[in-house]
PDB file of N, CA and C in Angstrom:
ATOM      1  N   MET A   1     -14.196 -12.778 -26.408  1.00  0.00           N
ATOM      2  CA  MET A   1     -15.259 -12.445 -25.497  1.00  0.00           C
ATOM      3  C   MET A   1     -15.348 -10.934 -25.261  1.00  0.00           C
ATOM      4  N   LEU A   2     -14.247 -10.250 -25.426  1.00  0.00           N
ATOM      5  CA  LEU A   2     -14.236  -8.798 -25.227  1.00  0.00           C
ATOM      6  C   LEU A   2     -14.220  -8.088 -26.566  1.00  0.00           C
ATOM      7  N   PRO A   3     -14.693  -6.844 -26.584  1.00  0.00           N
ATOM      8  CA  PRO A   3     -14.578  -6.057 -27.812  1.00  0.00           C
ATOM      9  C   PRO A   3     -13.100  -5.879 -28.176  1.00  0.00           C
ATOM     10  N   GLU A   4     -12.843  -5.707 -29.442  1.00  0.00           N
ATOM     11  CA  GLU A   4     -11.473  -5.682 -29.927  1.00  0.00           C
ATOM     12  C   GLU A   4     -10.613  -4.611 -29.252  1.00  0.00           C
ATOM     13  N   GLY A   5     -11.171  -3.475 -28.897  1.00  0.00           N
ATOM     14  CA  GLY A   5     -10.404  -2.408 -28.286  1.00  0.00           C
ATOM     15  C   GLY A   5     -10.018  -2.652 -26.832  1.00  0.00           C
ATOM     16  N   GLN A   6     -10.631  -3.641 -26.184  1.00  0.00           N
ATOM     17  CA  GLN A   6     -10.369  -3.887 -24.767  1.00  0.00           C
ATOM     18  C   GLN A   6      -9.543  -5.142 -24.499  1.00  0.00           C
ATOM     19  N   ARG A   7      -9.176  -5.846 -25.513  1.00  0.00           N
ATOM     20  CA  ARG A   7      -8.445  -7.103 -25.309  1.00  0.00           C
ATOM     21  C   ARG A   7      -7.051  -6.869 -24.742  1.00  0.00           C
ATOM     22  N   ASN A   8      -6.358  -5.854 -25.240  1.00  0.00           N
ATOM     23  CA  ASN A   8      -5.014  -5.578 -24.729  1.00  0.00           C
ATOM     24  C   ASN A   8      -5.059  -5.177 -23.260  1.00  0.00           C
ATOM     25  N   LEU A   9      -6.035  -4.374 -22.884  1.00  0.00           N
ATOM     26  CA  LEU A   9      -6.181  -3.965 -21.490  1.00  0.00           C
ATOM     27  C   LEU A   9      -6.455  -5.187 -20.610  1.00  0.00           C
ATOM     28  N   ALA A  10      -7.322  -6.074 -21.056  1.00  0.00           N
ATOM     29  CA  ALA A  10      -7.649  -7.265 -20.276  1.00  0.00           C
ATOM     30  C   ALA A  10      -6.421  -8.147 -20.088  1.00  0.00           C
ATOM     31  N   CYS A  11      -5.647  -8.331 -21.137  1.00  0.00           N
ATOM     32  CA  CYS A  11      -4.423  -9.137 -21.020  1.00  0.00           C
ATOM     33  C   CYS A  11      -3.424  -8.465 -20.092  1.00  0.00           C
ATOM     34  N   GLY A  12      -3.282  -7.166 -20.202  1.00  0.00           N
ATOM     35  CA  GLY A  12      -2.362  -6.439 -19.337  1.00  0.00           C
ATOM     36  C   GLY A  12      -2.755  -6.537 -17.874  1.00  0.00           C
ATOM     37  N   LEU A  13      -4.052  -6.388 -17.589  1.00  0.00           N
ATOM     38  CA  LEU A  13      -4.520  -6.504 -16.208  1.00  0.00           C
ATOM     39  C   LEU A  13      -4.337  -7.919 -15.674  1.00  0.00           C
ATOM     40  N   TYR A  14      -4.595  -8.890 -16.520  1.00  0.00           N
ATOM     41  CA  TYR A  14      -4.419 -10.282 -16.109  1.00  0.00           C
ATOM     42  C   TYR A  14      -2.966 -10.550 -15.731  1.00  0.00           C
ATOM     43  N   TYR A  15      -2.048 -10.176 -16.590  1.00  0.00           N
ATOM     44  CA  TYR A  15      -0.636 -10.448 -16.329  1.00  0.00           C
ATOM     45  C   TYR A  15      -0.080  -9.583 -15.201  1.00  0.00           C
ATOM     46  N   ALA A  16      -0.629  -8.389 -14.984  1.00  0.00           N
ATOM     47  CA  ALA A  16      -0.219  -7.571 -13.835  1.00  0.00           C
ATOM     48  C   ALA A  16      -0.642  -8.263 -12.532  1.00  0.00           C
ATOM     49  N   GLY A  17      -1.868  -8.772 -12.502  1.00  0.00           N
ATOM     50  CA  GLY A  17      -2.330  -9.508 -11.331  1.00  0.00           C
ATOM     51  C   GLY A  17      -1.551 -10.791 -11.113  1.00  0.00           C
ATOM     52  N   TYR A  18      -1.244 -11.473 -12.198  1.00  0.00           N
ATOM     53  CA  TYR A  18      -0.469 -12.708 -12.127  1.00  0.00           C
ATOM     54  C   TYR A  18       0.919 -12.430 -11.561  1.00  0.00           C
ATOM     55  N   GLY A  19       1.548 -11.389 -12.061  1.00  0.00           N
ATOM     56  CA  GLY A  19       2.884 -11.035 -11.592  1.00  0.00           C
ATOM     57  C   GLY A  19       2.880 -10.576 -10.142  1.00  0.00           C
ATOM     58  N   ALA A  20       1.878  -9.798  -9.760  1.00  0.00           N
ATOM     59  CA  ALA A  20       1.785  -9.343  -8.371  1.00  0.00           C
ATOM     60  C   ALA A  20       1.557 -10.531  -7.434  1.00  0.00           C
ATOM     61  N   GLY A  21       0.709 -11.454  -7.831  1.00  0.00           N
ATOM     62  CA  GLY A  21       0.484 -12.651  -7.027  1.00  0.00           C
ATOM     63  C   GLY A  21       1.738 -13.496  -6.896  1.00  0.00           C
ATOM     64  N   TRP A  22       2.480 -13.606  -7.981  1.00  0.00           N
ATOM     65  CA  TRP A  22       3.723 -14.372  -7.960  1.00  0.00           C
ATOM     66  C   TRP A  22       4.716 -13.718  -7.009  1.00  0.00           C
ATOM     67  N   LEU A  23       4.817 -12.392  -7.073  1.00  0.00           N
ATOM     68  CA  LEU A  23       5.734 -11.654  -6.206  1.00  0.00           C
ATOM     69  C   LEU A  23       5.367 -11.840  -4.735  1.00  0.00           C
ATOM     70  N   VAL A  24       4.103 -11.646  -4.398  1.00  0.00           N
ATOM     71  CA  VAL A  24       3.667 -11.775  -3.007  1.00  0.00           C
ATOM     72  C   VAL A  24       3.875 -13.204  -2.508  1.00  0.00           C
ATOM     73  N   GLY A  25       3.516 -14.182  -3.325  1.00  0.00           N
ATOM     74  CA  GLY A  25       3.695 -15.582  -2.932  1.00  0.00           C
ATOM     75  C   GLY A  25       5.153 -15.930  -2.715  1.00  0.00           C
ATOM     76  N   SER A  26       6.023 -15.422  -3.569  1.00  0.00           N
ATOM     77  CA  SER A  26       7.454 -15.691  -3.422  1.00  0.00           C
ATOM     78  C   SER A  26       8.018 -15.020  -2.174  1.00  0.00           C
ATOM     79  N   LEU A  27       7.593 -13.789  -1.907  1.00  0.00           N
ATOM     80  CA  LEU A  27       8.066 -13.096  -0.710  1.00  0.00           C
ATOM     81  C   LEU A  27       7.621 -13.817   0.563  1.00  0.00           C
ATOM     82  N   VAL A  28       6.349 -14.187   0.618  1.00  0.00           N
ATOM     83  CA  VAL A  28       5.828 -14.884   1.796  1.00  0.00           C
ATOM     84  C   VAL A  28       6.521 -16.231   1.956  1.00  0.00           C
ATOM     85  N   SER A  29       6.708 -16.951   0.870  1.00  0.00           N
ATOM     86  CA  SER A  29       7.382 -18.246   0.942  1.00  0.00           C
ATOM     87  C   SER A  29       8.822 -18.102   1.434  1.00  0.00           C
ATOM     88  N   GLY A  30       9.520 -17.090   0.952  1.00  0.00           N
ATOM     89  CA  GLY A  30      10.898 -16.871   1.395  1.00  0.00           C
ATOM     90  C   GLY A  30      10.977 -16.517   2.863  1.00  0.00           C
ATOM     91  N   ILE A  31      10.067 -15.661   3.323  1.00  0.00           N
ATOM     92  CA  ILE A  31      10.057 -15.287   4.741  1.00  0.00           C
ATOM     93  C   ILE A  31       9.726 -16.497   5.613  1.00  0.00           C
ATOM     94  N   LEU A  32       8.735 -17.274   5.197  1.00  0.00           N
ATOM     95  CA  LEU A  32       8.376 -18.463   5.971  1.00  0.00           C
ATOM     96  C   LEU A  32       9.486 -19.497   5.954  1.00  0.00           C
ATOM     97  N   TYR A  33      10.212 -19.615   4.858  1.00  0.00           N
ATOM     98  CA  TYR A  33      11.309 -20.571   4.760  1.00  0.00           C
ATOM     99  C   TYR A  33      12.396 -20.246   5.777  1.00  0.00           C
ATOM    100  N   GLU A  34      12.639 -18.951   5.991  1.00  0.00           N
ATOM    101  CA  GLU A  34      13.658 -18.543   6.958  1.00  0.00           C
ATOM    102  C   GLU A  34      13.225 -18.801   8.395  1.00  0.00           C
ATOM    103  N   HIS A  35      11.924 -18.756   8.673  1.00  0.00           N
ATOM    104  CA  HIS A  35      11.442 -18.856  10.044  1.00  0.00           C
ATOM    105  C   HIS A  35      10.944 -20.242  10.420  1.00  0.00           C
ATOM    106  N   SER A  36      10.194 -20.893   9.533  1.00  0.00           N
ATOM    107  CA  SER A  36       9.568 -22.161   9.913  1.00  0.00           C
ATOM    108  C   SER A  36       9.175 -22.948   8.666  1.00  0.00           C
ATOM    109  N   ILE A  37       9.814 -24.094   8.489  1.00  0.00           N
ATOM    110  CA  ILE A  37       9.483 -24.960   7.348  1.00  0.00           C
ATOM    111  C   ILE A  37       8.051 -25.503   7.465  1.00  0.00           C
ATOM    112  N   PRO A  38       7.598 -25.940   8.654  1.00  0.00           N
ATOM    113  CA  PRO A  38       6.202 -26.387   8.753  1.00  0.00           C
ATOM    114  C   PRO A  38       5.195 -25.284   8.396  1.00  0.00           C
ATOM    115  N   ALA A  39       5.503 -24.030   8.752  1.00  0.00           N
ATOM    116  CA  ALA A  39       4.615 -22.927   8.381  1.00  0.00           C
ATOM    117  C   ALA A  39       4.597 -22.743   6.866  1.00  0.00           C
ATOM    118  N   LEU A  40       5.745 -22.910   6.227  1.00  0.00           N
ATOM    119  CA  LEU A  40       5.818 -22.821   4.771  1.00  0.00           C
ATOM    120  C   LEU A  40       4.972 -23.912   4.127  1.00  0.00           C
ATOM    121  N   ILE A  41       5.065 -25.112   4.652  1.00  0.00           N
ATOM    122  CA  ILE A  41       4.272 -26.225   4.121  1.00  0.00           C
ATOM    123  C   ILE A  41       2.779 -25.948   4.313  1.00  0.00           C
ATOM    124  N   GLY A  42       2.414 -25.456   5.490  1.00  0.00           N
ATOM    125  CA  GLY A  42       1.011 -25.130   5.750  1.00  0.00           C
ATOM    126  C   GLY A  42       0.500 -24.025   4.838  1.00  0.00           C
ATOM    127  N   PHE A  43       1.307 -22.998   4.623  1.00  0.00           N
ATOM    128  CA  PHE A  43       0.936 -21.911   3.718  1.00  0.00           C
ATOM    129  C   PHE A  43       0.734 -22.431   2.300  1.00  0.00           C
ATOM    130  N   SER A  44       1.659 -23.245   1.839  1.00  0.00           N
ATOM    131  CA  SER A  44       1.560 -23.788   0.475  1.00  0.00           C
ATOM    132  C   SER A  44       0.301 -24.640   0.314  1.00  0.00           C
ATOM    133  N   MET A  45       0.020 -25.465   1.301  1.00  0.00           N
ATOM    134  CA  MET A  45      -1.170 -26.303   1.223  1.00  0.00           C
ATOM    135  C   MET A  45      -2.443 -25.462   1.273  1.00  0.00           C
ATOM    136  N   ALA A  46      -2.467 -24.439   2.128  1.00  0.00           N
ATOM    137  CA  ALA A  46      -3.654 -23.593   2.243  1.00  0.00           C
ATOM    138  C   ALA A  46      -3.931 -22.845   0.945  1.00  0.00           C
ATOM    139  N   VAL A  47      -2.887 -22.328   0.319  1.00  0.00           N
ATOM    140  CA  VAL A  47      -3.066 -21.580  -0.934  1.00  0.00           C
ATOM    141  C   VAL A  47      -3.557 -22.516  -2.042  1.00  0.00           C
ATOM    142  N   GLN A  48      -2.980 -23.698  -2.113  1.00  0.00           N
ATOM    143  CA  GLN A  48      -3.398 -24.639  -3.154  1.00  0.00           C
ATOM    144  C   GLN A  48      -4.829 -25.116  -2.929  1.00  0.00           C
ATOM    145  N   LEU A  49      -5.190 -25.395  -1.683  1.00  0.00           N
ATOM    146  CA  LEU A  49      -6.560 -25.839  -1.403  1.00  0.00           C
ATOM    147  C   LEU A  49      -7.568 -24.721  -1.626  1.00  0.00           C
ATOM    148  N   SER A  50      -7.152 -23.469  -1.395  1.00  0.00           N
ATOM    149  CA  SER A  50      -8.082 -22.359  -1.613  1.00  0.00           C
ATOM    150  C   SER A  50      -8.376 -22.138  -3.096  1.00  0.00           C
ATOM    151  N   SER A  51      -7.559 -22.686  -3.974  1.00  0.00           N
ATOM    152  CA  SER A  51      -7.814 -22.540  -5.410  1.00  0.00           C
ATOM    153  C   SER A  51      -8.834 -23.559  -5.927  1.00  0.00           C
ATOM    154  N   LEU A  52      -9.101 -24.601  -5.175  1.00  0.00           N
ATOM    155  CA  LEU A  52     -10.032 -25.636  -5.638  1.00  0.00           C
ATOM    156  C   LEU A  52     -11.428 -25.102  -5.954  1.00  0.00           C
ATOM    157  N   PRO A  53     -12.034 -24.250  -5.117  1.00  0.00           N
ATOM    158  CA  PRO A  53     -13.364 -23.738  -5.479  1.00  0.00           C
ATOM    159  C   PRO A  53     -13.378 -22.996  -6.818  1.00  0.00           C
ATOM    160  N   ILE A  54     -12.303 -22.314  -7.135  1.00  0.00           N
ATOM    161  CA  ILE A  54     -12.232 -21.603  -8.419  1.00  0.00           C
ATOM    162  C   ILE A  54     -12.274 -22.598  -9.572  1.00  0.00           C
ATOM    163  N   PHE A  55     -11.536 -23.674  -9.457  1.00  0.00           N
ATOM    164  CA  PHE A  55     -11.535 -24.686 -10.512  1.00  0.00           C
ATOM    165  C   PHE A  55     -12.897 -25.380 -10.612  1.00  0.00           C
ATOM    166  N   ILE A  56     -13.530 -25.628  -9.482  1.00  0.00           N
ATOM    167  CA  ILE A  56     -14.851 -26.269  -9.496  1.00  0.00           C
ATOM    168  C   ILE A  56     -15.874 -25.356 -10.166  1.00  0.00           C
ATOM    169  N   LEU A  57     -15.862 -24.066  -9.825  1.00  0.00           N
ATOM    170  CA  LEU A  57     -16.787 -23.118 -10.451  1.00  0.00           C
ATOM    171  C   LEU A  57     -16.528 -22.987 -11.947  1.00  0.00           C
ATOM    172  N   ALA A  58     -15.274 -22.960 -12.338  1.00  0.00           N
ATOM    173  CA  ALA A  58     -14.949 -22.848 -13.757  1.00  0.00           C
ATOM    174  C   ALA A  58     -15.407 -24.093 -14.511  1.00  0.00           C
ATOM    175  N   ARG A  59     -15.289 -25.239 -13.901  1.00  0.00           N
ATOM    176  CA  ARG A  59     -15.722 -26.488 -14.535  1.00  0.00           C
ATOM    177  C   ARG A  59     -17.235 -26.493 -14.747  1.00  0.00           C
ATOM    178  N   ARG A  60     -17.986 -25.974 -13.780  1.00  0.00           N
ATOM    179  CA  ARG A  60     -19.444 -25.964 -13.883  1.00  0.00           C
ATOM    180  C   ARG A  60     -19.941 -25.014 -14.964  1.00  0.00           C
ATOM    181  N   ARG A  61     -19.184 -23.975 -15.251  1.00  0.00           N
ATOM    182  CA  ARG A  61     -19.630 -22.979 -16.222  1.00  0.00           C
ATOM    183  C   ARG A  61     -19.318 -23.368 -17.668  1.00  0.00           C
ATOM    184  N   GLN A  62     -18.581 -24.431 -17.872  1.00  0.00           N
ATOM    185  CA  GLN A  62     -18.277 -24.864 -19.235  1.00  0.00           C
ATOM    186  C   GLN A  62     -19.519 -25.489 -19.850  1.00  0.00           C
ATOM    187  N   PRO A  63     -19.769 -25.170 -21.120  1.00  0.00           N
ATOM    188  CA  PRO A  63     -20.912 -25.806 -21.790  1.00  0.00           C
ATOM    189  C   PRO A  63     -20.658 -27.290 -22.006  1.00  0.00           C
ATOM    190  N   ALA A  64     -21.722 -28.044 -22.030  1.00  0.00           N
ATOM    191  CA  ALA A  64     -21.603 -29.488 -22.253  1.00  0.00           C
ATOM    192  C   ALA A  64     -21.125 -29.761 -23.678  1.00  0.00           C
ATOM    193  N   ARG A  65     -20.229 -30.703 -23.801  1.00  0.00           N
ATOM    194  CA  ARG A  65     -19.708 -31.065 -25.134  1.00  0.00           C
ATOM    195  C   ARG A  65     -20.503 -32.243 -25.680  1.00  0.00           C
ATOM    196  N   ALA A  66     -20.727 -32.204 -26.951  1.00  0.00           N
ATOM    197  CA  ALA A  66     -21.494 -33.278 -27.576  1.00  0.00           C
ATOM    198  C   ALA A  66     -20.599 -34.360 -28.092  1.00  0.00           C
TER     199      ALA A  66
END
């Protein structure tokens, strides 16, 4: 989808964002685990539910298969 010269940059940015998100999520989860297990459960559920619109939008943008 990208020109050949920009593919490495796109992959690098993707994995940098992925790693940063993983780091932040792990830090928040660890802090919540030390303070309140119910808060950790609520955080985990909120993050997972907030990803649903992204999956729904991605599903709608796929071309129909024959």
